[in-house]
Amino acid sequence: MLKEESGWIETTATVVSCSYQFARMNTFRLGVQSGEKYRIAFDYVAHGQTYSDEFQSAVAIPQNEQFSIRYNPLAPQQNDRSSGVGSVGRAPLLALGVAGSIILSLLWLAVLRGCS
């Protein structure tokens, strides 16, 4: 999540859409659904301009429902509900996958050398 600064401004956002996300088949999740099953798209106005973003939620939020968010006045596209939330935590999984791949490659080379 983006770091909230004390100078961020609170405003009202409106839900544009709410869609159910099916579990994706990939190496790390193996088709298991995360707790955040809904993708919520929303709009908000900052400094007279409309911004759009989305986030993942464990519960559905109806279209046109309003909720409070905080945005960075120096970069209004940054908010406390940013979609960047979903990418946090992937780096450790990627590192684990790379390390596992290297270890398996070394084991395979050791097996092949033992066969000669």
PDB file of N, CA and C in Angstrom:
ATOM      1  N   MET A   1       0.844  -1.170   0.000  1.00  0.00           N
ATOM      2  CA  MET A   1       0.000   0.000   0.000  1.00  0.00           C
ATOM      3  C   MET A   1       0.891   1.235   0.000  1.00  0.00           C
ATOM      4  N   LEU A   2       0.399   2.284  -0.612  1.00  0.00           N
ATOM      5  CA  LEU A   2       1.139   3.524  -0.619  1.00  0.00           C
ATOM      6  C   LEU A   2       1.210   4.087   0.786  1.00  0.00           C
ATOM      7  N   LYS A   3       2.319   4.685   1.107  1.00  0.00           N
ATOM      8  CA  LYS A   3       2.489   5.264   2.432  1.00  0.00           C
ATOM      9  C   LYS A   3       1.624   6.515   2.543  1.00  0.00           C
ATOM     10  N   GLU A   4       0.762   6.538   3.549  1.00  0.00           N
ATOM     11  CA  GLU A   4      -0.082   7.700   3.765  1.00  0.00           C
ATOM     12  C   GLU A   4       0.711   8.778   4.474  1.00  0.00           C
ATOM     13  N   GLU A   5       0.693   9.950   3.915  1.00  0.00           N
ATOM     14  CA  GLU A   5       1.339  11.097   4.522  1.00  0.00           C
ATOM     15  C   GLU A   5       0.277  11.897   5.267  1.00  0.00           C
ATOM     16  N   SER A   6       0.680  12.647   6.258  1.00  0.00           N
ATOM     17  CA  SER A   6      -0.279  13.421   7.040  1.00  0.00           C
ATOM     18  C   SER A   6      -0.949  14.508   6.203  1.00  0.00           C
ATOM     19  N   GLY A   7      -0.337  14.918   5.110  1.00  0.00           N
ATOM     20  CA  GLY A   7      -0.890  15.971   4.268  1.00  0.00           C
ATOM     21  C   GLY A   7      -1.854  15.487   3.196  1.00  0.00           C
ATOM     22  N   TRP A   8      -2.170  14.204   3.178  1.00  0.00           N
ATOM     23  CA  TRP A   8      -3.076  13.690   2.150  1.00  0.00           C
ATOM     24  C   TRP A   8      -4.476  14.209   2.417  1.00  0.00           C
ATOM     25  N   ILE A   9      -5.242  14.391   1.349  1.00  0.00           N
ATOM     26  CA  ILE A   9      -6.574  14.987   1.417  1.00  0.00           C
ATOM     27  C   ILE A   9      -7.630  13.898   1.266  1.00  0.00           C
ATOM     28  N   GLU A  10      -8.670  14.000   2.090  1.00  0.00           N
ATOM     29  CA  GLU A  10      -9.768  13.035   2.014  1.00  0.00           C
ATOM     30  C   GLU A  10     -10.818  13.535   1.028  1.00  0.00           C
ATOM     31  N   THR A  11     -11.353  12.608   0.240  1.00  0.00           N
ATOM     32  CA  THR A  11     -12.415  12.927  -0.708  1.00  0.00           C
ATOM     33  C   THR A  11     -13.334  11.710  -0.825  1.00  0.00           C
ATOM     34  N   THR A  12     -14.381  11.846  -1.616  1.00  0.00           N
ATOM     35  CA  THR A  12     -15.336  10.763  -1.813  1.00  0.00           C
ATOM     36  C   THR A  12     -15.109  10.129  -3.181  1.00  0.00           C
ATOM     37  N   ALA A  13     -15.074   8.802  -3.193  1.00  0.00           N
ATOM     38  CA  ALA A  13     -14.937   8.046  -4.443  1.00  0.00           C
ATOM     39  C   ALA A  13     -16.260   7.326  -4.714  1.00  0.00           C
ATOM     40  N   THR A  14     -16.519   7.066  -5.992  1.00  0.00           N
ATOM     41  CA  THR A  14     -17.741   6.377  -6.401  1.00  0.00           C
ATOM     42  C   THR A  14     -17.376   5.095  -7.138  1.00  0.00           C
ATOM     43  N   VAL A  15     -18.013   3.991  -6.757  1.00  0.00           N
ATOM     44  CA  VAL A  15     -17.762   2.697  -7.412  1.00  0.00           C
ATOM     45  C   VAL A  15     -18.330   2.740  -8.822  1.00  0.00           C
ATOM     46  N   VAL A  16     -17.487   2.422  -9.792  1.00  0.00           N
ATOM     47  CA  VAL A  16     -17.886   2.383 -11.194  1.00  0.00           C
ATOM     48  C   VAL A  16     -18.307   0.964 -11.573  1.00  0.00           C
ATOM     49  N   SER A  17     -17.538  -0.024 -11.078  1.00  0.00           N
ATOM     50  CA  SER A  17     -17.882  -1.417 -11.365  1.00  0.00           C
ATOM     51  C   SER A  17     -17.305  -2.322 -10.290  1.00  0.00           C
ATOM     52  N   CYS A  18     -17.946  -3.479 -10.171  1.00  0.00           N
ATOM     53  CA  CYS A  18     -17.496  -4.508  -9.239  1.00  0.00           C
ATOM     54  C   CYS A  18     -17.595  -5.830  -9.978  1.00  0.00           C
ATOM     55  N   SER A  19     -16.466  -6.524 -10.135  1.00  0.00           N
ATOM     56  CA  SER A  19     -16.493  -7.781 -10.875  1.00  0.00           C
ATOM     57  C   SER A  19     -15.819  -8.882 -10.073  1.00  0.00           C
ATOM     58  N   TYR A  20     -16.375 -10.081 -10.200  1.00  0.00           N
ATOM     59  CA  TYR A  20     -15.825 -11.245  -9.514  1.00  0.00           C
ATOM     60  C   TYR A  20     -14.591 -11.717 -10.267  1.00  0.00           C
ATOM     61  N   GLN A  21     -13.515 -12.024  -9.531  1.00  0.00           N
ATOM     62  CA  GLN A  21     -12.291 -12.533 -10.144  1.00  0.00           C
ATOM     63  C   GLN A  21     -12.216 -14.032  -9.921  1.00  0.00           C
ATOM     64  N   PHE A  22     -12.133 -14.775 -10.996  1.00  0.00           N
ATOM     65  CA  PHE A  22     -11.959 -16.207 -10.884  1.00  0.00           C
ATOM     66  C   PHE A  22     -10.517 -16.504 -10.499  1.00  0.00           C
ATOM     67  N   ALA A  23     -10.287 -17.610  -9.808  1.00  0.00           N
ATOM     68  CA  ALA A  23      -8.920 -18.000  -9.430  1.00  0.00           C
ATOM     69  C   ALA A  23      -8.133 -18.251 -10.704  1.00  0.00           C
ATOM     70  N   ARG A  24      -6.976 -17.645 -10.806  1.00  0.00           N
ATOM     71  CA  ARG A  24      -6.132 -17.815 -11.985  1.00  0.00           C
ATOM     72  C   ARG A  24      -5.208 -18.997 -11.775  1.00  0.00           C
ATOM     73  N   MET A  25      -4.997 -19.742 -12.839  1.00  0.00           N
ATOM     74  CA  MET A  25      -4.043 -20.847 -12.768  1.00  0.00           C
ATOM     75  C   MET A  25      -2.659 -20.281 -13.042  1.00  0.00           C
ATOM     76  N   ASN A  26      -1.803 -20.302 -12.031  1.00  0.00           N
ATOM     77  CA  ASN A  26      -0.417 -19.932 -12.231  1.00  0.00           C
ATOM     78  C   ASN A  26       0.437 -20.733 -11.260  1.00  0.00           C
ATOM     79  N   THR A  27       1.725 -20.668 -11.436  1.00  0.00           N
ATOM     80  CA  THR A  27       2.643 -21.488 -10.658  1.00  0.00           C
ATOM     81  C   THR A  27       2.537 -21.232  -9.169  1.00  0.00           C
ATOM     82  N   PHE A  28       2.355 -19.983  -8.766  1.00  0.00           N
ATOM     83  CA  PHE A  28       2.391 -19.649  -7.351  1.00  0.00           C
ATOM     84  C   PHE A  28       1.070 -19.900  -6.639  1.00  0.00           C
ATOM     85  N   ARG A  29      -0.050 -19.671  -7.285  1.00  0.00           N
ATOM     86  CA  ARG A  29      -1.343 -19.845  -6.627  1.00  0.00           C
ATOM     87  C   ARG A  29      -1.936 -21.237  -6.824  1.00  0.00           C
ATOM     88  N   LEU A  30      -1.574 -21.918  -7.890  1.00  0.00           N
ATOM     89  CA  LEU A  30      -2.112 -23.236  -8.215  1.00  0.00           C
ATOM     90  C   LEU A  30      -3.635 -23.236  -8.265  1.00  0.00           C
ATOM     91  N   GLY A  31      -4.206 -22.129  -8.735  1.00  0.00           N
ATOM     92  CA  GLY A  31      -5.650 -22.035  -8.890  1.00  0.00           C
ATOM     93  C   GLY A  31      -6.398 -21.787  -7.600  1.00  0.00           C
ATOM     94  N   VAL A  32      -5.721 -21.501  -6.507  1.00  0.00           N
ATOM     95  CA  VAL A  32      -6.376 -21.241  -5.234  1.00  0.00           C
ATOM     96  C   VAL A  32      -6.749 -19.764  -5.168  1.00  0.00           C
ATOM     97  N   GLN A  33      -7.992 -19.489  -4.840  1.00  0.00           N
ATOM     98  CA  GLN A  33      -8.491 -18.114  -4.778  1.00  0.00           C
ATOM     99  C   GLN A  33      -7.933 -17.408  -3.551  1.00  0.00           C
ATOM    100  N   SER A  34      -7.492 -16.173  -3.739  1.00  0.00           N
ATOM    101  CA  SER A  34      -7.066 -15.371  -2.586  1.00  0.00           C
ATOM    102  C   SER A  34      -8.327 -14.896  -1.866  1.00  0.00           C
ATOM    103  N   GLY A  35      -8.168 -14.293  -0.710  1.00  0.00           N
ATOM    104  CA  GLY A  35      -9.308 -13.800   0.044  1.00  0.00           C
ATOM    105  C   GLY A  35      -9.989 -12.610  -0.609  1.00  0.00           C
ATOM    106  N   GLU A  36      -9.290 -11.921  -1.512  1.00  0.00           N
ATOM    107  CA  GLU A  36      -9.843 -10.744  -2.172  1.00  0.00           C
ATOM    108  C   GLU A  36     -10.369 -11.136  -3.546  1.00  0.00           C
ATOM    109  N   LYS A  37     -11.668 -11.424  -3.613  1.00  0.00           N
ATOM    110  CA  LYS A  37     -12.260 -12.000  -4.810  1.00  0.00           C
ATOM    111  C   LYS A  37     -12.863 -10.991  -5.774  1.00  0.00           C
ATOM    112  N   TYR A  38     -13.031  -9.751  -5.353  1.00  0.00           N
ATOM    113  CA  TYR A  38     -13.719  -8.768  -6.185  1.00  0.00           C
ATOM    114  C   TYR A  38     -12.774  -7.640  -6.604  1.00  0.00           C
ATOM    115  N   ARG A  39     -12.869  -7.242  -7.861  1.00  0.00           N
ATOM    116  CA  ARG A  39     -12.107  -6.107  -8.369  1.00  0.00           C
ATOM    117  C   ARG A  39     -13.068  -4.918  -8.421  1.00  0.00           C
ATOM    118  N   ILE A  40     -12.749  -3.892  -7.642  1.00  0.00           N
ATOM    119  CA  ILE A  40     -13.600  -2.710  -7.531  1.00  0.00           C
ATOM    120  C   ILE A  40     -12.937  -1.557  -8.287  1.00  0.00           C
ATOM    121  N   ALA A  41     -13.613  -1.051  -9.312  1.00  0.00           N
ATOM    122  CA  ALA A  41     -13.139   0.117 -10.057  1.00  0.00           C
ATOM    123  C   ALA A  41     -13.885   1.335  -9.529  1.00  0.00           C
ATOM    124  N   PHE A  42     -13.156   2.454  -9.361  1.00  0.00           N
ATOM    125  CA  PHE A  42     -13.786   3.643  -8.804  1.00  0.00           C
ATOM    126  C   PHE A  42     -13.205   4.911  -9.421  1.00  0.00           C
ATOM    127  N   ASP A  43     -13.970   5.993  -9.308  1.00  0.00           N
ATOM    128  CA  ASP A  43     -13.559   7.315  -9.759  1.00  0.00           C
ATOM    129  C   ASP A  43     -13.595   8.267  -8.566  1.00  0.00           C
ATOM    130  N   TYR A  44     -12.725   9.275  -8.605  1.00  0.00           N
ATOM    131  CA  TYR A  44     -12.769  10.341  -7.609  1.00  0.00           C
ATOM    132  C   TYR A  44     -12.272  11.628  -8.246  1.00  0.00           C
ATOM    133  N   VAL A  45     -12.666  12.745  -7.688  1.00  0.00           N
ATOM    134  CA  VAL A  45     -12.273  14.049  -8.205  1.00  0.00           C
ATOM    135  C   VAL A  45     -11.250  14.662  -7.256  1.00  0.00           C
ATOM    136  N   ALA A  46     -10.138  15.112  -7.836  1.00  0.00           N
ATOM    137  CA  ALA A  46      -9.085  15.781  -7.072  1.00  0.00           C
ATOM    138  C   ALA A  46      -8.611  16.983  -7.878  1.00  0.00           C
ATOM    139  N   HIS A  47      -8.626  18.144  -7.275  1.00  0.00           N
ATOM    140  CA  HIS A  47      -8.195  19.384  -7.929  1.00  0.00           C
ATOM    141  C   HIS A  47      -8.967  19.628  -9.230  1.00  0.00           C
ATOM    142  N   GLY A  48     -10.266  19.302  -9.229  1.00  0.00           N
ATOM    143  CA  GLY A  48     -11.108  19.543 -10.395  1.00  0.00           C
ATOM    144  C   GLY A  48     -10.942  18.555 -11.533  1.00  0.00           C
ATOM    145  N   GLN A  49     -10.153  17.503 -11.328  1.00  0.00           N
ATOM    146  CA  GLN A  49      -9.926  16.504 -12.375  1.00  0.00           C
ATOM    147  C   GLN A  49     -10.376  15.138 -11.859  1.00  0.00           C
ATOM    148  N   THR A  50     -10.944  14.320 -12.744  1.00  0.00           N
ATOM    149  CA  THR A  50     -11.418  12.987 -12.362  1.00  0.00           C
ATOM    150  C   THR A  50     -10.313  11.962 -12.565  1.00  0.00           C
ATOM    151  N   TYR A  51     -10.103  11.139 -11.553  1.00  0.00           N
ATOM    152  CA  TYR A  51      -9.112  10.062 -11.590  1.00  0.00           C
ATOM    153  C   TYR A  51      -9.830   8.733 -11.414  1.00  0.00           C
ATOM    154  N   SER A  52      -9.298   7.698 -12.029  1.00  0.00           N
ATOM    155  CA  SER A  52      -9.857   6.352 -11.922  1.00  0.00           C
ATOM    156  C   SER A  52      -8.790   5.406 -11.395  1.00  0.00           C
ATOM    157  N   ASP A  53      -9.218   4.428 -10.624  1.00  0.00           N
ATOM    158  CA  ASP A  53      -8.304   3.414 -10.102  1.00  0.00           C
ATOM    159  C   ASP A  53      -9.129   2.186  -9.747  1.00  0.00           C
ATOM    160  N   GLU A  54      -8.473   1.184  -9.220  1.00  0.00           N
ATOM    161  CA  GLU A  54      -9.176  -0.023  -8.788  1.00  0.00           C
ATOM    162  C   GLU A  54      -8.413  -0.676  -7.651  1.00  0.00           C
ATOM    163  N   PHE A  55      -9.116  -1.526  -6.911  1.00  0.00           N
ATOM    164  CA  PHE A  55      -8.509  -2.290  -5.841  1.00  0.00           C
ATOM    165  C   PHE A  55      -9.240  -3.608  -5.719  1.00  0.00           C
ATOM    166  N   GLN A  56      -8.677  -4.518  -4.958  1.00  0.00           N
ATOM    167  CA  GLN A  56      -9.298  -5.816  -4.730  1.00  0.00           C
ATOM    168  C   GLN A  56      -9.934  -5.826  -3.356  1.00  0.00           C
ATOM    169  N   SER A  57     -11.070  -6.507  -3.245  1.00  0.00           N
ATOM    170  CA  SER A  57     -11.818  -6.524  -1.999  1.00  0.00           C
ATOM    171  C   SER A  57     -12.340  -7.930  -1.716  1.00  0.00           C
ATOM    172  N   ALA A  58     -12.485  -8.240  -0.442  1.00  0.00           N
ATOM    173  CA  ALA A  58     -13.054  -9.531  -0.043  1.00  0.00           C
ATOM    174  C   ALA A  58     -14.576  -9.530  -0.181  1.00  0.00           C
ATOM    175  N   VAL A  59     -15.175  -8.340  -0.207  1.00  0.00           N
ATOM    176  CA  VAL A  59     -16.626  -8.229  -0.329  1.00  0.00           C
ATOM    177  C   VAL A  59     -16.986  -7.391  -1.548  1.00  0.00           C
ATOM    178  N   ALA A  60     -18.138  -7.690  -2.121  1.00  0.00           N
ATOM    179  CA  ALA A  60     -18.620  -6.922  -3.266  1.00  0.00           C
ATOM    180  C   ALA A  60     -19.116  -5.559  -2.787  1.00  0.00           C
ATOM    181  N   ILE A  61     -18.900  -4.538  -3.598  1.00  0.00           N
ATOM    182  CA  ILE A  61     -19.400  -3.197  -3.311  1.00  0.00           C
ATOM    183  C   ILE A  61     -20.260  -2.784  -4.504  1.00  0.00           C
ATOM    184  N   PRO A  62     -21.518  -2.442  -4.262  1.00  0.00           N
ATOM    185  CA  PRO A  62     -22.425  -2.129  -5.373  1.00  0.00           C
ATOM    186  C   PRO A  62     -21.980  -0.903  -6.174  1.00  0.00           C
ATOM    187  N   GLN A  63     -22.322  -0.922  -7.455  1.00  0.00           N
ATOM    188  CA  GLN A  63     -22.038   0.208  -8.341  1.00  0.00           C
ATOM    189  C   GLN A  63     -22.730   1.460  -7.807  1.00  0.00           C
ATOM    190  N   ASN A  64     -22.086   2.604  -7.960  1.00  0.00           N
ATOM    191  CA  ASN A  64     -22.550   3.924  -7.527  1.00  0.00           C
ATOM    192  C   ASN A  64     -22.482   4.141  -6.017  1.00  0.00           C
ATOM    193  N   GLU A  65     -22.027   3.152  -5.243  1.00  0.00           N
ATOM    194  CA  GLU A  65     -21.849   3.368  -3.806  1.00  0.00           C
ATOM    195  C   GLU A  65     -20.630   4.265  -3.602  1.00  0.00           C
ATOM    196  N   GLN A  66     -20.704   5.116  -2.598  1.00  0.00           N
ATOM    197  CA  GLN A  66     -19.605   6.044  -2.335  1.00  0.00           C
ATOM    198  C   GLN A  66     -18.867   5.646  -1.064  1.00  0.00           C
ATOM    199  N   PHE A  67     -17.563   5.925  -1.050  1.00  0.00           N
ATOM    200  CA  PHE A  67     -16.725   5.658   0.115  1.00  0.00           C
ATOM    201  C   PHE A  67     -15.618   6.699   0.154  1.00  0.00           C
ATOM    202  N   SER A  68     -14.997   6.847   1.311  1.00  0.00           N
ATOM    203  CA  SER A  68     -13.937   7.841   1.489  1.00  0.00           C
ATOM    204  C   SER A  68     -12.584   7.271   1.110  1.00  0.00           C
ATOM    205  N   ILE A  69     -11.782   8.086   0.454  1.00  0.00           N
ATOM    206  CA  ILE A  69     -10.378   7.745   0.182  1.00  0.00           C
ATOM    207  C   ILE A  69      -9.539   8.975   0.501  1.00  0.00           C
ATOM    208  N   ARG A  70      -8.246   8.749   0.583  1.00  0.00           N
ATOM    209  CA  ARG A  70      -7.294   9.853   0.762  1.00  0.00           C
ATOM    210  C   ARG A  70      -6.346   9.827  -0.425  1.00  0.00           C
ATOM    211  N   TYR A  71      -6.001  11.010  -0.950  1.00  0.00           N
ATOM    212  CA  TYR A  71      -5.087  11.098  -2.088  1.00  0.00           C
ATOM    213  C   TYR A  71      -3.958  12.073  -1.782  1.00  0.00           C
ATOM    214  N   ASN A  72      -2.872  11.886  -2.496  1.00  0.00           N
ATOM    215  CA  ASN A  72      -1.688  12.728  -2.351  1.00  0.00           C
ATOM    216  C   ASN A  72      -1.922  14.023  -3.128  1.00  0.00           C
ATOM    217  N   PRO A  73      -1.930  15.188  -2.479  1.00  0.00           N
ATOM    218  CA  PRO A  73      -2.200  16.439  -3.208  1.00  0.00           C
ATOM    219  C   PRO A  73      -1.106  16.793  -4.215  1.00  0.00           C
ATOM    220  N   LEU A  74       0.102  16.260  -4.022  1.00  0.00           N
ATOM    221  CA  LEU A  74       1.189  16.535  -4.967  1.00  0.00           C
ATOM    222  C   LEU A  74       1.161  15.607  -6.174  1.00  0.00           C
ATOM    223  N   ALA A  75       0.506  14.455  -6.024  1.00  0.00           N
ATOM    224  CA  ALA A  75       0.342  13.486  -7.110  1.00  0.00           C
ATOM    225  C   ALA A  75      -1.043  12.859  -6.931  1.00  0.00           C
ATOM    226  N   PRO A  76      -2.101  13.542  -7.372  1.00  0.00           N
ATOM    227  CA  PRO A  76      -3.479  13.116  -7.090  1.00  0.00           C
ATOM    228  C   PRO A  76      -3.841  11.712  -7.584  1.00  0.00           C
ATOM    229  N   GLN A  77      -3.069  11.160  -8.506  1.00  0.00           N
ATOM    230  CA  GLN A  77      -3.354   9.799  -8.974  1.00  0.00           C
ATOM    231  C   GLN A  77      -2.989   8.765  -7.914  1.00  0.00           C
ATOM    232  N   GLN A  78      -2.234   9.143  -6.888  1.00  0.00           N
ATOM    233  CA  GLN A  78      -1.890   8.234  -5.787  1.00  0.00           C
ATOM    234  C   GLN A  78      -2.967   8.333  -4.712  1.00  0.00           C
ATOM    235  N   ASN A  79      -3.480   7.176  -4.303  1.00  0.00           N
ATOM    236  CA  ASN A  79      -4.500   7.165  -3.264  1.00  0.00           C
ATOM    237  C   ASN A  79      -4.290   5.966  -2.349  1.00  0.00           C
ATOM    238  N   ASP A  80      -5.006   5.943  -1.243  1.00  0.00           N
ATOM    239  CA  ASP A  80      -4.820   4.876  -0.267  1.00  0.00           C
ATOM    240  C   ASP A  80      -5.532   3.574  -0.640  1.00  0.00           C
ATOM    241  N   ARG A  81      -6.228   3.542  -1.757  1.00  0.00           N
ATOM    242  CA  ARG A  81      -6.863   2.305  -2.245  1.00  0.00           C
ATOM    243  C   ARG A  81      -6.254   1.848  -3.559  1.00  0.00           C
ATOM    244  N   SER A  82      -5.071   2.315  -3.858  1.00  0.00           N
ATOM    245  CA  SER A  82      -4.435   2.066  -5.152  1.00  0.00           C
ATOM    246  C   SER A  82      -4.362   0.586  -5.496  1.00  0.00           C
ATOM    247  N   SER A  83      -4.414   0.310  -6.798  1.00  0.00           N
ATOM    248  CA  SER A  83      -4.302  -1.062  -7.280  1.00  0.00           C
ATOM    249  C   SER A  83      -2.912  -1.632  -7.060  1.00  0.00           C
ATOM    250  N   GLY A  84      -1.965  -0.863  -6.699  1.00  0.00           N
ATOM    251  CA  GLY A  84      -0.639  -1.351  -6.395  1.00  0.00           C
ATOM    252  C   GLY A  84      -0.603  -2.307  -5.236  1.00  0.00           C
ATOM    253  N   VAL A  85      -1.649  -2.372  -4.471  1.00  0.00           N
ATOM    254  CA  VAL A  85      -1.747  -3.258  -3.340  1.00  0.00           C
ATOM    255  C   VAL A  85      -1.587  -4.708  -3.743  1.00  0.00           C
ATOM    256  N   GLY A  86      -2.210  -5.108  -4.871  1.00  0.00           N
ATOM    257  CA  GLY A  86      -2.145  -6.471  -5.286  1.00  0.00           C
ATOM    258  C   GLY A  86      -0.819  -6.982  -5.616  1.00  0.00           C
ATOM    259  N   SER A  87       0.138  -6.159  -5.997  1.00  0.00           N
ATOM    260  CA  SER A  87       1.468  -6.605  -6.369  1.00  0.00           C
ATOM    261  C   SER A  87       2.401  -6.765  -5.180  1.00  0.00           C
ATOM    262  N   VAL A  88       2.030  -6.249  -4.011  1.00  0.00           N
ATOM    263  CA  VAL A  88       2.885  -6.412  -2.837  1.00  0.00           C
ATOM    264  C   VAL A  88       2.927  -7.875  -2.450  1.00  0.00           C
ATOM    265  N   GLY A  89       4.096  -8.384  -2.170  1.00  0.00           N
ATOM    266  CA  GLY A  89       4.220  -9.769  -1.756  1.00  0.00           C
ATOM    267  C   GLY A  89       4.643 -10.710  -2.873  1.00  0.00           C
ATOM    268  N   ARG A  90       4.671 -10.266  -4.106  1.00  0.00           N
ATOM    269  CA  ARG A  90       5.079 -11.134  -5.201  1.00  0.00           C
ATOM    270  C   ARG A  90       6.587 -11.290  -5.282  1.00  0.00           C
ATOM    271  N   ALA A  91       7.316 -10.298  -4.821  1.00  0.00           N
ATOM    272  CA  ALA A  91       8.776 -10.358  -4.883  1.00  0.00           C
ATOM    273  C   ALA A  91       9.330 -11.564  -4.108  1.00  0.00           C
ATOM    274  N   PRO A  92       8.872 -11.846  -2.882  1.00  0.00           N
ATOM    275  CA  PRO A  92       9.377 -13.022  -2.184  1.00  0.00           C
ATOM    276  C   PRO A  92       9.049 -14.324  -2.921  1.00  0.00           C
ATOM    277  N   LEU A  93       7.862 -14.401  -3.522  1.00  0.00           N
ATOM    278  CA  LEU A  93       7.505 -15.603  -4.278  1.00  0.00           C
ATOM    279  C   LEU A  93       8.391 -15.761  -5.503  1.00  0.00           C
ATOM    280  N   LEU A  94       8.681 -14.664  -6.168  1.00  0.00           N
ATOM    281  CA  LEU A  94       9.555 -14.709  -7.339  1.00  0.00           C
ATOM    282  C   LEU A  94      10.954 -15.164  -6.931  1.00  0.00           C
ATOM    283  N   ALA A  95      11.476 -14.619  -5.829  1.00  0.00           N
ATOM    284  CA  ALA A  95      12.800 -15.014  -5.343  1.00  0.00           C
ATOM    285  C   ALA A  95      12.820 -16.497  -4.984  1.00  0.00           C
ATOM    286  N   LEU A  96      11.764 -16.975  -4.349  1.00  0.00           N
ATOM    287  CA  LEU A  96      11.666 -18.395  -3.999  1.00  0.00           C
ATOM    288  C   LEU A  96      11.651 -19.262  -5.258  1.00  0.00           C
ATOM    289  N   GLY A  97      10.923 -18.836  -6.275  1.00  0.00           N
ATOM    290  CA  GLY A  97      10.872 -19.586  -7.531  1.00  0.00           C
ATOM    291  C   GLY A  97      12.221 -19.641  -8.225  1.00  0.00           C
ATOM    292  N   VAL A  98      12.929 -18.527  -8.248  1.00  0.00           N
ATOM    293  CA  VAL A  98      14.258 -18.483  -8.880  1.00  0.00           C
ATOM    294  C   VAL A  98      15.226 -19.370  -8.103  1.00  0.00           C
ATOM    295  N   ALA A  99      15.223 -19.260  -6.769  1.00  0.00           N
ATOM    296  CA  ALA A  99      16.119 -20.083  -5.952  1.00  0.00           C
ATOM    297  C   ALA A  99      15.811 -21.571  -6.133  1.00  0.00           C
ATOM    298  N   GLY A 100      14.536 -21.921  -6.158  1.00  0.00           N
ATOM    299  CA  GLY A 100      14.152 -23.318  -6.370  1.00  0.00           C
ATOM    300  C   GLY A 100      14.592 -23.828  -7.723  1.00  0.00           C
ATOM    301  N   SER A 101      14.475 -22.995  -8.740  1.00  0.00           N
ATOM    302  CA  SER A 101      14.908 -23.375 -10.082  1.00  0.00           C
ATOM    303  C   SER A 101      16.413 -23.638 -10.124  1.00  0.00           C
ATOM    304  N   ILE A 102      17.185 -22.797  -9.467  1.00  0.00           N
ATOM    305  CA  ILE A 102      18.642 -22.981  -9.432  1.00  0.00           C
ATOM    306  C   ILE A 102      19.006 -24.276  -8.709  1.00  0.00           C
ATOM    307  N   ILE A 103      18.358 -24.514  -7.574  1.00  0.00           N
ATOM    308  CA  ILE A 103      18.641 -25.735  -6.807  1.00  0.00           C
ATOM    309  C   ILE A 103      18.286 -26.980  -7.613  1.00  0.00           C
ATOM    310  N   LEU A 104      17.130 -26.970  -8.266  1.00  0.00           N
ATOM    311  CA  LEU A 104      16.740 -28.125  -9.089  1.00  0.00           C
ATOM    312  C   LEU A 104      17.705 -28.330 -10.252  1.00  0.00           C
ATOM    313  N   SER A 105      18.170 -27.247 -10.851  1.00  0.00           N
ATOM    314  CA  SER A 105      19.140 -27.362 -11.946  1.00  0.00           C
ATOM    315  C   SER A 105      20.447 -27.985 -11.461  1.00  0.00           C
ATOM    316  N   LEU A 106      20.913 -27.550 -10.300  1.00  0.00           N
ATOM    317  CA  LEU A 106      22.148 -28.118  -9.742  1.00  0.00           C
ATOM    318  C   LEU A 106      21.978 -29.597  -9.392  1.00  0.00           C
ATOM    319  N   LEU A 107      20.823 -29.953  -8.846  1.00  0.00           N
ATOM    320  CA  LEU A 107      20.567 -31.375  -8.543  1.00  0.00           C
ATOM    321  C   LEU A 107      20.538 -32.203  -9.828  1.00  0.00           C
ATOM    322  N   TRP A 108      19.906 -31.679 -10.868  1.00  0.00           N
ATOM    323  CA  TRP A 108      19.838 -32.394 -12.144  1.00  0.00           C
ATOM    324  C   TRP A 108      21.240 -32.584 -12.723  1.00  0.00           C
ATOM    325  N   LEU A 109      22.076 -31.567 -12.651  1.00  0.00           N
ATOM    326  CA  LEU A 109      23.470 -31.690 -13.134  1.00  0.00           C
ATOM    327  C   LEU A 109      24.227 -32.746 -12.324  1.00  0.00           C
ATOM    328  N   ALA A 110      23.994 -32.777 -11.025  1.00  0.00           N
ATOM    329  CA  ALA A 110      24.653 -33.778 -10.176  1.00  0.00           C
ATOM    330  C   ALA A 110      24.213 -35.187 -10.554  1.00  0.00           C
ATOM    331  N   VAL A 111      22.936 -35.364 -10.861  1.00  0.00           N
ATOM    332  CA  VAL A 111      22.435 -36.688 -11.272  1.00  0.00           C
ATOM    333  C   VAL A 111      23.039 -37.090 -12.601  1.00  0.00           C
ATOM    334  N   LEU A 112      23.104 -36.148 -13.538  1.00  0.00           N
ATOM    335  CA  LEU A 112      23.669 -36.460 -14.855  1.00  0.00           C
ATOM    336  C   LEU A 112      25.149 -36.799 -14.752  1.00  0.00           C
ATOM    337  N   ARG A 113      25.892 -36.134 -13.896  1.00  0.00           N
ATOM    338  CA  ARG A 113      27.332 -36.436 -13.725  1.00  0.00           C
ATOM    339  C   ARG A 113      27.504 -37.813 -13.106  1.00  0.00           C
ATOM    340  N   GLY A 114      26.581 -38.185 -12.206  1.00  0.00           N
ATOM    341  CA  GLY A 114      26.674 -39.490 -11.560  1.00  0.00           C
ATOM    342  C   GLY A 114      26.387 -40.640 -12.533  1.00  0.00           C
ATOM    343  N   CYS A 115      25.685 -40.378 -13.613  1.00  0.00           N
ATOM    344  CA  CYS A 115      25.345 -41.408 -14.591  1.00  0.00           C
ATOM    345  C   CYS A 115      26.526 -41.744 -15.495  1.00  0.00           C
ATOM    346  N   SER A 116      27.510 -40.881 -15.626  1.00  0.00           N
ATOM    347  CA  SER A 116      28.639 -41.091 -16.539  1.00  0.00           C
ATOM    348  C   SER A 116      29.619 -42.096 -16.011  1.00  0.00           C
TER     349      SER A 116
END
